[in-house]
Amino acid sequence: MPKSKTRGSLKEHRKRVAHRNNTIKGLRKKAQAEYQEMFEKQMEALKVQYQNEMGETTELNAEVIGDAKDISVASAEVVTPEVEK
């Protein structure tokens, strides 16, 4: 970069550039945190809406009872939901 573009000494120019880059990093972190918070609120709202519509709750930490070897595909019953028009 030509000396005229640095507006003063090279040391001052580097200082301004470092300050600018730190400001941009801070703004990005703040925007990311706000987005993450908004996303989590939206997911909670959708979870509540789903539970209200379906009348059920899903427990992700539920313990699996039994062993997968005990399940037989031949004896499984197929249930299809009825669709109202």
N, C-alpha and C. Protein backbone atom coordinates (compact mmCIF):
# COMPACT_ATOMS: atom_id res chain seq x y z
N MET A 1 0.85 -1.17 0.00
CA MET A 1 0.00 0.00 0.00
C MET A 1 0.90 1.24 0.00
N PRO A 2 0.63 2.21 -0.87
CA PRO A 2 1.44 3.43 -0.88
C PRO A 2 1.34 4.16 0.46
N LYS A 3 2.38 4.88 0.78
CA LYS A 3 2.44 5.58 2.05
C LYS A 3 1.30 6.58 2.20
N SER A 4 0.86 7.22 1.08
CA SER A 4 -0.21 8.22 1.15
C SER A 4 -1.54 7.59 1.60
N LYS A 5 -1.72 6.31 1.35
CA LYS A 5 -2.97 5.63 1.72
C LYS A 5 -3.01 5.26 3.20
N THR A 6 -1.88 5.27 3.88
CA THR A 6 -1.86 4.86 5.28
C THR A 6 -2.23 5.98 6.24
N ARG A 7 -2.37 7.22 5.77
CA ARG A 7 -2.76 8.38 6.59
C ARG A 7 -1.91 8.49 7.85
N GLY A 8 -0.71 8.82 7.68
CA GLY A 8 0.19 8.96 8.82
C GLY A 8 1.22 7.86 8.79
N SER A 9 1.71 7.54 9.94
CA SER A 9 2.75 6.51 10.00
C SER A 9 2.14 5.12 9.84
N LEU A 10 2.96 4.21 9.47
CA LEU A 10 2.51 2.82 9.30
C LEU A 10 2.03 2.24 10.63
N LYS A 11 2.65 2.64 11.72
CA LYS A 11 2.27 2.17 13.05
C LYS A 11 0.84 2.61 13.38
N GLU A 12 0.51 3.87 13.10
CA GLU A 12 -0.85 4.37 13.36
C GLU A 12 -1.86 3.67 12.47
N HIS A 13 -1.47 3.43 11.21
CA HIS A 13 -2.37 2.73 10.29
C HIS A 13 -2.69 1.33 10.79
N ARG A 14 -1.68 0.61 11.23
CA ARG A 14 -1.89 -0.75 11.75
C ARG A 14 -2.78 -0.73 13.00
N LYS A 15 -2.60 0.29 13.80
CA LYS A 15 -3.41 0.43 15.01
C LYS A 15 -4.89 0.64 14.64
N ARG A 16 -5.14 1.49 13.62
CA ARG A 16 -6.52 1.72 13.19
C ARG A 16 -7.14 0.47 12.58
N VAL A 17 -6.36 -0.25 11.80
CA VAL A 17 -6.85 -1.48 11.17
C VAL A 17 -7.16 -2.52 12.24
N ALA A 18 -6.29 -2.66 13.23
CA ALA A 18 -6.53 -3.63 14.30
C ALA A 18 -7.79 -3.25 15.08
N HIS A 19 -7.98 -1.97 15.34
CA HIS A 19 -9.18 -1.52 16.05
C HIS A 19 -10.43 -1.82 15.23
N ARG A 20 -10.36 -1.54 13.93
CA ARG A 20 -11.49 -1.82 13.05
C ARG A 20 -11.83 -3.31 13.04
N ASN A 21 -10.81 -4.15 12.93
CA ASN A 21 -11.04 -5.60 12.90
C ASN A 21 -11.62 -6.10 14.22
N ASN A 22 -11.15 -5.57 15.34
CA ASN A 22 -11.70 -5.97 16.64
C ASN A 22 -13.15 -5.54 16.77
N THR A 23 -13.49 -4.35 16.26
CA THR A 23 -14.87 -3.88 16.30
C THR A 23 -15.77 -4.79 15.48
N ILE A 24 -15.31 -5.17 14.31
CA ILE A 24 -16.09 -6.07 13.45
C ILE A 24 -16.29 -7.42 14.12
N LYS A 25 -15.23 -7.96 14.74
CA LYS A 25 -15.36 -9.24 15.46
C LYS A 25 -16.39 -9.15 16.57
N GLY A 26 -16.34 -8.04 17.33
CA GLY A 26 -17.30 -7.86 18.42
C GLY A 26 -18.72 -7.78 17.93
N LEU A 27 -18.93 -7.06 16.83
CA LEU A 27 -20.28 -6.95 16.26
C LEU A 27 -20.78 -8.29 15.75
N ARG A 28 -19.88 -9.07 15.15
CA ARG A 28 -20.28 -10.40 14.67
C ARG A 28 -20.67 -11.30 15.83
N LYS A 29 -19.88 -11.28 16.91
CA LYS A 29 -20.20 -12.10 18.08
C LYS A 29 -21.55 -11.71 18.67
N LYS A 30 -21.79 -10.39 18.76
CA LYS A 30 -23.05 -9.91 19.31
C LYS A 30 -24.22 -10.32 18.43
N ALA A 31 -24.07 -10.19 17.12
CA ALA A 31 -25.14 -10.59 16.19
C ALA A 31 -25.39 -12.09 16.27
N GLN A 32 -24.34 -12.87 16.38
CA GLN A 32 -24.49 -14.33 16.48
C GLN A 32 -25.21 -14.71 17.77
N ALA A 33 -24.87 -14.05 18.87
CA ALA A 33 -25.53 -14.34 20.15
C ALA A 33 -27.01 -13.97 20.09
N GLU A 34 -27.34 -12.83 19.48
CA GLU A 34 -28.74 -12.43 19.35
C GLU A 34 -29.50 -13.41 18.47
N TYR A 35 -28.88 -13.84 17.37
CA TYR A 35 -29.52 -14.80 16.48
C TYR A 35 -29.75 -16.12 17.20
N GLN A 36 -28.77 -16.59 17.94
CA GLN A 36 -28.91 -17.85 18.68
C GLN A 36 -30.03 -17.76 19.70
N GLU A 37 -30.12 -16.64 20.41
CA GLU A 37 -31.18 -16.45 21.39
C GLU A 37 -32.55 -16.43 20.72
N MET A 38 -32.65 -15.73 19.59
CA MET A 38 -33.92 -15.68 18.86
C MET A 38 -34.30 -17.07 18.36
N PHE A 39 -33.31 -17.82 17.87
CA PHE A 39 -33.56 -19.16 17.36
C PHE A 39 -34.07 -20.08 18.48
N GLU A 40 -33.46 -20.01 19.65
CA GLU A 40 -33.88 -20.85 20.77
C GLU A 40 -35.30 -20.50 21.22
N LYS A 41 -35.64 -19.19 21.26
CA LYS A 41 -37.00 -18.78 21.62
C LYS A 41 -38.00 -19.32 20.60
N GLN A 42 -37.66 -19.23 19.32
CA GLN A 42 -38.55 -19.71 18.27
C GLN A 42 -38.74 -21.22 18.36
N MET A 43 -37.66 -21.95 18.66
CA MET A 43 -37.78 -23.40 18.79
C MET A 43 -38.65 -23.78 19.99
N GLU A 44 -38.52 -23.06 21.09
CA GLU A 44 -39.37 -23.32 22.26
C GLU A 44 -40.83 -23.06 21.91
N ALA A 45 -41.10 -21.97 21.20
CA ALA A 45 -42.47 -21.64 20.82
C ALA A 45 -43.04 -22.71 19.90
N LEU A 46 -42.24 -23.19 18.96
CA LEU A 46 -42.72 -24.23 18.06
C LEU A 46 -42.94 -25.55 18.80
N LYS A 47 -42.08 -25.84 19.78
CA LYS A 47 -42.26 -27.06 20.56
C LYS A 47 -43.57 -27.02 21.34
N VAL A 48 -43.85 -25.87 21.97
CA VAL A 48 -45.10 -25.71 22.71
C VAL A 48 -46.30 -25.81 21.77
N GLN A 49 -46.19 -25.18 20.60
CA GLN A 49 -47.28 -25.23 19.63
C GLN A 49 -47.53 -26.67 19.17
N TYR A 50 -46.47 -27.40 18.90
CA TYR A 50 -46.60 -28.80 18.48
C TYR A 50 -47.26 -29.64 19.57
N GLN A 51 -46.83 -29.44 20.81
CA GLN A 51 -47.39 -30.21 21.91
C GLN A 51 -48.87 -29.88 22.10
N ASN A 52 -49.24 -28.61 21.93
CA ASN A 52 -50.64 -28.23 22.06
C ASN A 52 -51.49 -28.81 20.94
N GLU A 53 -50.97 -28.82 19.72
CA GLU A 53 -51.73 -29.35 18.59
C GLU A 53 -51.87 -30.86 18.65
N MET A 54 -50.79 -31.54 19.01
CA MET A 54 -50.79 -32.99 19.00
C MET A 54 -51.28 -33.58 20.32
N GLY A 55 -51.27 -32.81 21.36
CA GLY A 55 -51.70 -33.31 22.65
C GLY A 55 -50.74 -34.33 23.24
N GLU A 56 -49.51 -34.26 22.86
CA GLU A 56 -48.54 -35.22 23.37
C GLU A 56 -47.23 -34.50 23.68
N THR A 57 -46.47 -35.15 24.50
CA THR A 57 -45.14 -34.61 24.80
C THR A 57 -44.12 -35.64 24.37
N THR A 58 -43.01 -35.16 23.92
CA THR A 58 -41.93 -36.07 23.52
C THR A 58 -40.80 -35.94 24.51
N GLU A 59 -40.40 -37.06 25.03
CA GLU A 59 -39.30 -37.09 25.99
C GLU A 59 -38.08 -37.65 25.27
N LEU A 60 -37.10 -36.80 25.04
CA LEU A 60 -35.92 -37.21 24.30
C LEU A 60 -34.98 -38.07 25.14
N ASN A 61 -35.11 -38.00 26.45
CA ASN A 61 -34.23 -38.75 27.33
C ASN A 61 -34.89 -40.03 27.83
N ALA A 62 -35.90 -40.50 27.12
CA ALA A 62 -36.62 -41.69 27.54
C ALA A 62 -35.70 -42.91 27.45
N GLU A 63 -35.86 -43.81 28.39
CA GLU A 63 -35.04 -45.01 28.41
C GLU A 63 -35.68 -46.07 27.53
N VAL A 64 -34.86 -46.74 26.76
CA VAL A 64 -35.35 -47.80 25.89
C VAL A 64 -35.54 -49.05 26.75
N ILE A 65 -36.75 -49.59 26.69
CA ILE A 65 -37.07 -50.77 27.48
C ILE A 65 -37.05 -51.98 26.56
N GLY A 66 -36.38 -53.01 26.97
CA GLY A 66 -36.30 -54.22 26.17
C GLY A 66 -35.08 -54.21 25.27
N ASP A 67 -34.94 -55.28 24.53
CA ASP A 67 -33.79 -55.42 23.66
C ASP A 67 -34.29 -55.45 22.22
N ALA A 68 -33.53 -54.91 21.31
CA ALA A 68 -33.93 -54.84 19.91
C ALA A 68 -34.02 -56.23 19.29
N LYS A 69 -33.34 -57.22 19.87
CA LYS A 69 -33.39 -58.58 19.34
C LYS A 69 -34.75 -59.22 19.59
N ASP A 70 -35.52 -58.72 20.56
CA ASP A 70 -36.81 -59.29 20.90
C ASP A 70 -37.91 -58.85 19.93
N ILE A 71 -37.65 -57.87 19.10
CA ILE A 71 -38.68 -57.33 18.22
C ILE A 71 -38.70 -58.14 16.93
N SER A 72 -39.90 -58.59 16.55
CA SER A 72 -40.07 -59.36 15.33
C SER A 72 -40.88 -58.52 14.34
N VAL A 73 -40.36 -58.37 13.16
CA VAL A 73 -41.05 -57.58 12.14
C VAL A 73 -42.30 -58.31 11.67
N ALA A 74 -42.28 -59.62 11.64
CA ALA A 74 -43.41 -60.40 11.15
C ALA A 74 -44.62 -60.24 12.08
N SER A 75 -44.40 -60.05 13.37
CA SER A 75 -45.52 -59.96 14.30
C SER A 75 -45.94 -58.51 14.55
N ALA A 76 -45.34 -57.57 13.87
CA ALA A 76 -45.66 -56.17 14.09
C ALA A 76 -46.98 -55.81 13.43
N GLU A 77 -47.74 -54.96 14.08
CA GLU A 77 -49.02 -54.53 13.55
C GLU A 77 -48.83 -53.17 12.88
N VAL A 78 -49.38 -53.03 11.67
CA VAL A 78 -49.26 -51.79 10.94
C VAL A 78 -50.50 -50.95 11.18
N VAL A 79 -50.31 -49.74 11.66
CA VAL A 79 -51.43 -48.84 11.95
C VAL A 79 -51.31 -47.64 11.02
N THR A 80 -52.38 -47.40 10.28
CA THR A 80 -52.38 -46.23 9.39
C THR A 80 -53.42 -45.25 9.90
N PRO A 81 -53.06 -43.98 10.02
CA PRO A 81 -54.03 -42.99 10.50
C PRO A 81 -55.06 -42.66 9.43
N GLU A 82 -56.25 -42.40 9.88
CA GLU A 82 -57.32 -42.02 8.96
C GLU A 82 -57.22 -40.53 8.69
N VAL A 83 -57.39 -40.16 7.44
CA VAL A 83 -57.28 -38.76 7.05
C VAL A 83 -58.70 -38.24 6.79
N GLU A 84 -59.03 -37.15 7.48
CA GLU A 84 -60.34 -36.54 7.30
C GLU A 84 -60.25 -35.51 6.21
N LYS A 85 -61.27 -35.45 5.35
CA LYS A 85 -61.27 -34.47 4.26
C LYS A 85 -62.27 -33.39 4.51
